Amino acid sequence: MAATRGWATINGLRFPCAVGRSGRRAAKREGDGATPIGAFKVRRVYYRPDRLLRPSTRLPVAPLRPDDGWCDAVGDRNYNRKVKHPYPASAERMWREDHLYDLVVVLDHNEKPRVQGLGSAVFMHVARPGYQPTAGCIAFQRQHLLRILKLLGPGSVVRTAP
């Protein structure tokens, strides 16, 4: 069984986190449930404005809207990009009831170049209770993620190890 919990070290501070239900993999594929291994730049932050105030960070920040989504349809021209619902292809809803995406940090996994099928929507987001596994993201307690955001800025890199 793959390890689905771990620790993230950011600027010398350690935070518990959850990773993908299939653990970590160097060869990430769409739908495999694994968190990709590598070094990923932190791109931007989205948050639910009805649930929390704009987070304090040096990263670009934008509020989520109820129609926001993220395309996970292999073969679609907007694969691994933010889209608006209703969307004609498969796209994850960013406006969720379960609080996981109250705070979302977009990583540059499979961004440039975007390769169809190598994984989409790899984020840092809020963890489920008990750090239950993710679908391939890295998840933290909300208060830890808010603290992490204060440490990150343009050019910051998140490294995931085996």
Foldseek 3Di string as FASTA:
>chain_A
DADQKDWFAFPNDIFIKGFFPREEDCQAFQQPRHAYFFKWFWAEKEAAVVPDPFFDAQHHYDYDDQQWWADCAQPDPRHQHIDGPPDPHDTGGLDDPQQFNNMWIDICVCPVVNDGGRDHDAIETAADPPNDHDSHHMHGHPVVVSVSRHRDHGPDMGGDDD
